[in-house]
Structures are given as C-alpha cells and as structure tokens.
N, C-alpha and C. Protein backbone atom coordinates (compact mmCIF):
# COMPACT_ATOMS: atom_id res chain seq x y z
N MET A 1 31.97 165.46 26.32
CA MET A 1 33.21 165.88 26.98
C MET A 1 32.94 167.74 27.14
N ASN A 2 33.46 168.07 28.20
CA ASN A 2 33.19 169.62 28.57
C ASN A 2 34.83 170.17 27.77
N ASP A 3 34.72 171.51 27.46
CA ASP A 3 35.93 171.78 26.49
C ASP A 3 36.43 173.19 26.87
N MET A 4 36.72 173.52 27.99
CA MET A 4 37.56 174.91 28.25
C MET A 4 38.54 175.40 27.17
N HIS A 5 39.43 174.91 27.40
CA HIS A 5 40.35 175.12 26.10
C HIS A 5 40.27 175.94 25.21
N SER A 6 39.16 175.28 24.10
CA SER A 6 39.02 175.92 22.96
C SER A 6 37.93 176.91 23.22
N THR A 7 37.86 177.44 24.59
CA THR A 7 36.40 178.37 24.69
C THR A 7 37.31 179.61 25.40
N ILE A 8 38.41 179.72 25.33
CA ILE A 8 39.32 180.66 26.69
C ILE A 8 40.54 181.02 25.98
N THR A 9 40.95 182.35 26.00
CA THR A 9 42.37 182.97 25.63
C THR A 9 42.70 183.53 27.21
N VAL A 10 44.23 183.18 26.60
CA VAL A 10 45.12 183.55 27.95
C VAL A 10 46.06 184.67 27.43
N ARG A 11 46.08 185.56 28.51
CA ARG A 11 46.88 186.88 28.16
C ARG A 11 47.77 186.75 29.41
N ARG A 12 49.23 187.67 29.07
CA ARG A 12 50.32 188.15 30.25
C ARG A 12 49.48 189.12 30.64
N ALA A 13 49.15 189.27 31.88
CA ALA A 13 48.93 190.96 32.41
C ALA A 13 49.89 191.22 33.41
N ILE A 14 50.77 190.49 34.72
CA ILE A 14 51.42 190.99 35.19
C ILE A 14 52.97 189.90 35.24
N SER A 15 53.67 190.40 34.53
CA SER A 15 55.19 189.27 33.95
C SER A 15 55.47 188.79 35.84
N PRO A 16 56.22 187.97 35.80
CA PRO A 16 56.81 187.34 37.23
C PRO A 16 58.05 188.57 37.31
N VAL A 17 57.33 189.41 38.82
CA VAL A 17 58.13 190.53 39.66
C VAL A 17 58.50 189.80 40.86
N SER A 18 59.70 190.78 40.99
CA SER A 18 59.92 190.71 42.66
C SER A 18 60.18 192.33 42.70
N ILE A 19 59.27 192.62 43.80
CA ILE A 19 59.06 193.66 44.31
C ILE A 19 59.66 194.25 45.90
N SER A 20 60.42 195.20 45.80
CA SER A 20 61.39 195.23 47.10
C SER A 20 60.68 196.72 48.12
N ASP A 21 59.70 197.28 47.30
CA ASP A 21 58.86 198.50 47.75
C ASP A 21 58.06 198.59 47.71
N ASN A 22 57.17 199.87 47.68
CA ASN A 22 55.91 199.89 47.58
C ASN A 22 55.42 200.32 46.16
N THR A 23 56.33 200.02 45.75
CA THR A 23 55.76 200.28 43.67
C THR A 23 54.23 199.71 43.45
N ALA A 24 53.61 200.18 42.73
CA ALA A 24 52.43 199.46 42.66
C ALA A 24 52.91 198.22 40.86
N ALA A 25 52.31 197.17 40.79
CA ALA A 25 52.58 196.51 39.73
C ALA A 25 51.16 196.49 38.99
N VAL A 26 51.38 197.13 37.25
CA VAL A 26 50.04 197.44 37.06
C VAL A 26 50.38 196.47 35.70
N SER A 27 49.17 196.54 35.50
CA SER A 27 48.85 194.73 34.34
C SER A 27 49.41 195.33 33.17
N GLN A 28 49.07 194.69 31.86
CA GLN A 28 49.01 194.97 30.44
C GLN A 28 47.26 195.28 30.72
N ILE A 29 47.00 196.59 29.63
CA ILE A 29 46.05 196.72 29.36
C ILE A 29 45.09 195.76 28.99
N ILE A 30 44.15 194.83 28.71
CA ILE A 30 43.46 193.90 28.07
C ILE A 30 42.28 193.87 27.49
N ASP A 31 42.39 193.71 26.01
CA ASP A 31 41.22 194.33 25.07
C ASP A 31 40.23 193.10 25.07
N LEU A 32 39.44 193.15 25.35
CA LEU A 32 38.02 192.53 25.36
C LEU A 32 37.21 192.48 24.53
N GLN A 33 37.85 192.91 22.92
CA GLN A 33 36.78 192.91 21.61
C GLN A 33 37.13 191.32 21.64
N GLY A 34 35.61 191.16 21.40
CA GLY A 34 35.48 189.42 21.12
C GLY A 34 35.39 188.43 22.12
N TYR A 35 35.21 189.32 23.43
CA TYR A 35 34.89 188.17 24.63
C TYR A 35 33.74 188.63 25.17
N LYS A 36 33.59 188.10 25.65
CA LYS A 36 32.60 188.81 27.11
C LYS A 36 32.77 188.69 28.63
N SER A 37 33.73 187.91 29.04
CA SER A 37 34.03 187.73 29.95
C SER A 37 35.67 187.81 30.67
N LEU A 38 36.17 188.35 31.64
CA LEU A 38 37.43 188.45 31.85
C LEU A 38 37.55 187.72 33.33
N GLU A 39 38.82 187.35 33.28
CA GLU A 39 39.09 186.26 35.12
C GLU A 39 40.74 186.95 35.19
N PHE A 40 40.98 187.68 36.09
CA PHE A 40 42.57 187.74 35.98
C PHE A 40 42.67 186.71 37.68
N VAL A 41 43.59 186.21 37.21
CA VAL A 41 44.06 185.42 38.15
C VAL A 41 45.89 185.35 38.75
N ILE A 42 46.08 185.84 39.83
CA ILE A 42 47.07 186.19 40.45
C ILE A 42 48.06 185.15 41.45
N ALA A 43 48.76 184.90 41.16
CA ALA A 43 50.08 183.96 42.08
C ALA A 43 50.79 184.92 42.57
N PHE A 44 50.71 184.75 43.91
CA PHE A 44 51.57 185.39 45.34
C PHE A 44 52.91 183.93 45.36
N GLY A 45 54.21 184.28 45.40
CA GLY A 45 55.19 183.67 45.39
C GLY A 45 55.42 184.18 46.83
N SER A 46 57.29 183.85 47.08
CA SER A 46 57.61 184.46 48.48
C SER A 46 57.12 185.47 48.75
N LEU A 47 56.59 185.89 49.89
CA LEU A 47 56.20 187.62 50.24
C LEU A 47 56.89 187.22 52.11
N ALA A 48 58.58 188.27 51.58
CA ALA A 48 59.20 188.15 52.40
C ALA A 48 58.83 189.43 54.02
N ASP A 49 58.78 190.20 53.55
CA ASP A 49 58.03 191.43 54.32
C ASP A 49 57.34 190.97 55.69
N SER A 50 57.57 191.33 56.76
CA SER A 50 56.20 190.61 57.95
C SER A 50 54.97 191.07 58.33
N ASP A 51 54.88 192.65 57.27
CA ASP A 51 53.82 193.40 57.39
C ASP A 51 53.08 193.89 56.22
N ALA A 52 53.46 193.76 55.36
CA ALA A 52 53.18 194.42 53.99
C ALA A 52 51.72 193.50 53.36
N THR A 53 51.01 194.65 52.57
CA THR A 53 49.89 194.36 52.26
C THR A 53 49.87 194.33 50.63
N PHE A 54 49.08 193.74 50.08
CA PHE A 54 49.04 194.39 48.25
C PHE A 54 47.24 193.95 48.69
N THR A 55 47.25 195.45 47.68
CA THR A 55 46.02 195.88 47.57
C THR A 55 45.95 195.74 46.27
N THR A 56 44.70 195.63 45.73
CA THR A 56 44.33 194.80 43.85
C THR A 56 43.11 195.71 44.11
N LEU A 57 43.52 196.59 42.61
CA LEU A 57 42.76 197.38 42.16
C LEU A 57 42.30 197.18 40.61
N VAL A 58 41.18 197.03 40.51
CA VAL A 58 40.55 196.72 38.89
C VAL A 58 39.95 198.22 37.78
N GLU A 59 40.25 198.62 36.94
CA GLU A 59 39.90 199.41 36.63
C GLU A 59 39.37 199.33 34.70
N HIS A 60 38.54 200.33 34.18
CA HIS A 60 38.15 199.66 32.75
C HIS A 60 38.04 201.14 32.16
N GLY A 61 37.56 200.83 30.81
CA GLY A 61 37.24 202.17 30.09
C GLY A 61 37.13 201.76 28.69
N ASP A 62 37.01 203.05 27.98
CA ASP A 62 36.72 202.47 26.40
C ASP A 62 37.93 203.23 25.58
N ALA A 63 38.97 203.68 26.50
CA ALA A 63 39.86 204.39 25.40
C ALA A 63 40.70 203.17 25.44
N ALA A 64 41.48 203.22 24.56
CA ALA A 64 42.81 201.76 24.38
C ALA A 64 44.30 202.41 25.06
N ASN A 65 44.32 203.57 25.53
CA ASN A 65 45.46 203.62 26.07
C ASN A 65 45.00 203.64 28.13
N LEU A 66 43.69 203.60 28.12
CA LEU A 66 42.88 204.02 29.09
C LEU A 66 42.98 205.27 30.34
N SER A 67 43.32 206.06 28.92
CA SER A 67 43.18 207.25 29.67
C SER A 67 41.95 207.73 30.07
N ASP A 68 41.02 206.80 30.25
CA ASP A 68 39.71 207.31 30.55
C ASP A 68 39.27 205.98 31.80
N ALA A 69 40.64 205.52 32.31
CA ALA A 69 40.17 204.49 33.33
C ALA A 69 39.18 204.79 34.40
N ALA A 70 38.56 204.26 35.33
CA ALA A 70 37.79 204.51 36.32
C ALA A 70 37.70 202.84 37.29
N ALA A 71 37.43 203.01 38.49
CA ALA A 71 37.21 201.83 38.87
C ALA A 71 36.29 201.27 38.98
N VAL A 72 36.56 199.87 38.58
CA VAL A 72 35.00 199.32 38.23
C VAL A 72 33.80 198.72 39.48
N ALA A 73 32.82 199.26 39.44
CA ALA A 73 31.76 198.78 40.59
C ALA A 73 31.76 197.69 40.55
N ASP A 74 31.69 197.46 41.66
CA ASP A 74 31.55 195.96 42.28
C ASP A 74 30.33 194.86 41.84
N ILE A 75 29.27 195.77 41.06
CA ILE A 75 28.58 195.15 40.22
C ILE A 75 28.74 194.18 38.96
N ASP A 76 29.92 194.79 38.67
CA ASP A 76 30.92 194.70 37.16
C ASP A 76 32.19 193.69 37.90
N LEU A 77 32.05 193.05 39.07
CA LEU A 77 32.88 192.51 39.66
C LEU A 77 32.68 190.69 40.16
N LEU A 78 33.36 190.20 39.52
CA LEU A 78 32.92 188.35 40.39
C LEU A 78 34.02 188.47 41.25
N GLY A 79 33.61 187.99 42.91
CA GLY A 79 34.40 188.38 43.73
C GLY A 79 34.80 189.90 43.90
N THR A 80 35.36 189.79 45.00
CA THR A 80 35.74 191.18 45.82
C THR A 80 36.98 191.64 45.50
N GLU A 81 37.64 193.10 45.37
CA GLU A 81 38.93 193.38 44.85
C GLU A 81 39.76 193.27 46.32
N ALA A 82 38.56 192.73 47.46
CA ALA A 82 39.35 192.63 48.97
C ALA A 82 40.12 191.08 48.75
N GLN A 83 38.99 190.04 48.34
CA GLN A 83 39.50 189.16 47.91
C GLN A 83 40.60 188.46 47.35
N ALA A 84 40.74 189.55 46.22
CA ALA A 84 41.70 189.39 45.36
C ALA A 84 43.09 189.99 45.76
N SER A 85 43.54 190.54 46.99
CA SER A 85 44.48 191.08 47.37
C SER A 85 44.88 189.81 48.24
N GLY A 86 46.21 190.80 48.74
CA GLY A 86 47.09 189.28 49.85
C GLY A 86 48.14 190.40 50.88
N GLN A 87 48.14 189.76 51.70
CA GLN A 87 49.36 190.04 52.68
C GLN A 87 50.42 189.10 53.07
N PHE A 88 51.36 189.56 54.20
CA PHE A 88 52.33 188.82 54.17
C PHE A 88 52.60 187.71 54.51
N ASP A 89 52.02 187.07 54.37
CA ASP A 89 51.32 185.69 55.23
C ASP A 89 50.65 184.63 54.32
N ASP A 90 50.84 185.41 52.61
CA ASP A 90 49.90 184.52 51.94
C ASP A 90 51.10 183.83 50.80
N ASP A 91 52.07 183.58 51.05
CA ASP A 91 53.07 183.11 50.37
C ASP A 91 52.30 181.87 49.62
N ASN A 92 52.37 181.82 48.29
CA ASN A 92 52.50 180.76 47.50
C ASN A 92 51.23 180.40 47.43
N GLU A 93 50.22 181.62 47.48
CA GLU A 93 48.88 181.39 47.12
C GLU A 93 48.57 182.01 45.82
N VAL A 94 46.90 181.70 45.60
CA VAL A 94 46.73 182.23 44.33
C VAL A 94 45.31 182.61 44.73
N ARG A 95 44.93 183.90 43.69
CA ARG A 95 43.63 184.96 43.79
C ARG A 95 42.89 184.73 42.82
N LYS A 96 41.75 185.02 42.55
CA LYS A 96 41.12 185.49 41.25
C LYS A 96 40.13 186.59 41.28
N ILE A 97 39.74 187.35 40.37
CA ILE A 97 38.78 188.28 40.31
C ILE A 97 38.28 188.58 38.35
N GLY A 98 36.87 188.30 38.67
CA GLY A 98 36.48 188.41 37.34
C GLY A 98 35.87 189.39 37.01
N TYR A 99 36.00 189.95 35.86
CA TYR A 99 35.46 191.20 35.48
C TYR A 99 33.87 191.37 34.47
N VAL A 100 33.12 191.23 34.37
CA VAL A 100 31.83 191.41 33.61
C VAL A 100 31.08 192.25 32.86
N GLY A 101 31.87 193.46 33.36
CA GLY A 101 31.19 194.79 32.59
C GLY A 101 31.38 194.88 31.14
N SER A 102 30.83 196.37 30.79
CA SER A 102 30.35 196.54 29.20
C SER A 102 31.60 197.17 28.60
N LYS A 103 32.77 197.66 29.62
CA LYS A 103 33.97 198.66 29.07
C LYS A 103 34.93 197.49 27.89
N ARG A 104 35.66 198.12 27.43
CA ARG A 104 36.52 197.66 25.89
C ARG A 104 37.74 197.19 26.39
N TYR A 105 38.22 197.91 27.09
CA TYR A 105 39.57 197.83 27.95
C TYR A 105 39.64 197.59 29.51
N VAL A 106 40.66 196.66 29.95
CA VAL A 106 40.38 196.52 31.62
C VAL A 106 41.82 196.29 31.85
N ARG A 107 42.40 196.87 33.22
CA ARG A 107 44.00 196.40 34.09
C ARG A 107 43.61 196.28 35.51
N LEU A 108 44.91 195.46 35.66
CA LEU A 108 44.67 195.05 37.29
C LEU A 108 46.32 196.18 37.56
N THR A 109 45.82 196.22 38.83
CA THR A 109 46.83 196.95 39.69
C THR A 109 46.99 196.40 40.96
N ILE A 110 48.46 195.98 41.22
CA ILE A 110 48.13 195.16 42.84
C ILE A 110 49.70 196.68 43.60
N THR A 111 49.12 197.10 44.58
CA THR A 111 49.43 197.78 45.14
C THR A 111 50.06 197.53 46.09
N PRO A 112 51.67 197.35 46.99
CA PRO A 112 52.22 197.56 48.06
C PRO A 112 52.18 198.14 48.98
N ALA A 113 51.70 198.06 50.42
CA ALA A 113 51.84 198.31 51.33
C ALA A 113 52.89 197.81 52.41
N ASN A 114 53.44 198.91 52.91
CA ASN A 114 55.15 198.40 54.27
C ASN A 114 56.11 197.21 53.97
N ASN A 115 55.96 197.28 52.23
CA ASN A 115 56.82 196.24 51.75
C ASN A 115 58.43 197.06 51.80
N ALA A 116 59.28 196.09 52.46
CA ALA A 116 60.65 196.46 52.54
C ALA A 116 61.86 195.31 51.56
N SER A 117 61.28 194.33 51.64
CA SER A 117 61.51 193.12 51.05
C SER A 117 61.05 192.47 50.06
N ALA A 118 61.74 191.28 49.30
CA ALA A 118 61.22 190.52 48.21
C ALA A 118 59.65 190.76 47.81
N ALA A 119 58.56 190.65 47.23
CA ALA A 119 58.03 189.73 47.36
C ALA A 119 57.46 189.73 45.85
N LEU A 120 57.22 188.14 45.12
CA LEU A 120 57.01 187.84 44.41
C LEU A 120 55.72 187.45 43.76
N LEU A 121 55.56 187.88 42.50
CA LEU A 121 53.65 188.15 42.24
C LEU A 121 53.74 187.90 40.84
N ALA A 122 52.92 187.35 40.09
CA ALA A 122 52.68 187.48 38.60
C ALA A 122 51.12 187.18 38.60
N ALA A 123 50.33 187.74 37.43
CA ALA A 123 48.92 187.52 37.05
C ALA A 123 48.79 187.20 35.82
N VAL A 124 47.60 186.66 35.58
CA VAL A 124 47.59 186.66 34.15
C VAL A 124 45.81 186.83 34.16
N ALA A 125 45.55 187.02 32.80
CA ALA A 125 44.18 187.40 32.32
C ALA A 125 43.66 186.10 31.40
N ILE A 126 42.61 185.84 31.33
CA ILE A 126 41.69 184.74 30.89
C ILE A 126 40.75 185.39 30.61
N LEU A 127 40.34 185.13 29.32
CA LEU A 127 39.19 185.85 28.29
C LEU A 127 38.29 184.56 28.14
N GLY A 128 36.83 184.96 28.21
CA GLY A 128 36.55 183.83 28.26
C GLY A 128 34.55 184.16 27.44
N HIS A 129 33.87 183.33 27.10
CA HIS A 129 33.19 183.53 26.81
C HIS A 129 32.69 184.23 25.24
N PRO A 130 33.88 183.65 24.53
CA PRO A 130 34.35 184.55 22.81
C PRO A 130 32.71 184.45 22.15
N MET A 131 32.92 185.32 21.07
CA MET A 131 32.35 185.33 20.08
C MET A 131 32.04 184.06 19.31
N VAL A 132 34.00 183.86 18.92
CA VAL A 132 33.87 183.25 17.94
C VAL A 132 34.46 182.00 18.71
N ALA A 133 34.28 180.48 18.49
CA ALA A 133 35.32 179.57 18.95
C ALA A 133 35.16 178.68 17.84
N PRO A 134 36.35 177.75 17.85
CA PRO A 134 36.99 177.62 18.89
C PRO A 134 37.97 178.86 18.63
N THR A 135 38.58 179.21 19.92
CA THR A 135 39.76 180.04 20.02
C THR A 135 41.19 179.54 19.09
N ALA A 136 41.79 180.71 19.13
CA ALA A 136 43.18 180.25 18.06
C ALA A 136 44.25 179.61 19.07
N HIS A 137 44.92 178.43 18.49
CA HIS A 137 45.85 178.21 19.62
C HIS A 137 46.73 177.99 18.72
N PRO A 138 48.25 178.12 19.28
CA PRO A 138 48.53 178.90 20.55
C PRO A 138 47.74 180.38 20.40
N ASP A 139 47.60 180.71 21.95
CA ASP A 139 46.16 182.42 21.90
C ASP A 139 47.93 183.44 21.17
N ALA A 140 47.00 184.39 20.56
CA ALA A 140 48.00 185.58 19.56
C ALA A 140 47.78 186.80 20.88
C-alpha cells in the first residue's frame, strides 16, 4: 500500500481570509528543516470583483525572519507562479506550486489587483520527503 499520510507534514500558510482591497495575503514563514520538498496549495473561494487578479509570489532565504528574502528562481519551482495565480472568474478553484530549492525558509504571497469586493482565499503548506519518517501525528 502506498502511504502518503506518514510522509508529509501540513502547515498553515494563509488562514482563510476575506480581502476587500489590494492588500497582499502573506503566508507564515515555512521552515523546511528536516524536509526536502514543499507544496503550497491555494484555495480560492468566492471572488466577487469582476476584474480582480491575484498574483502569486514565492520567496525563500536562510534567515528565520526572511530578512534575506529573494524571489525563487523558476528552476526551484514545480509549476509556475502564473499557474498558481488566479483571477475574478476562478471562484472555488484550487491551485498549487511546489518548491525544491535549497533554502531553509519559504513564504507565499498572494497580491490582489483591481479588487474592491470580498475575495476569499486560504493556503496550506505540505512538506514532503522527510529526513525521518513516519512524520508525527498530528502534525505539530
């Protein structure tokens, strides 16, 4: 039997939020210590504005507070930031973007443009390829 359950850890990235302007939703800083891969899963809910866009950015660095944050190079991403982004007619859709770079800390930012109405979104971080398995249950 294939068992993904014991080889991943799930972290909160962006708590469910309603954004009614162009304020960016910035994730928690995800610490990859003990893992070799990361997948962000982004869930869009109702997107009320008729011309809003939601641009995704993935940053990484070695400082715990990401004071050294830099945009992740395309070679260190699985999928593209454009594919993980959304727009006004992507109601109730899910996107993903993977990270396979060598930095310890990673964060996700989703920046709205032309958004003047409630836009619902959330994101989780799935850490994979652990150095030690099985992973703890429940995830800490």
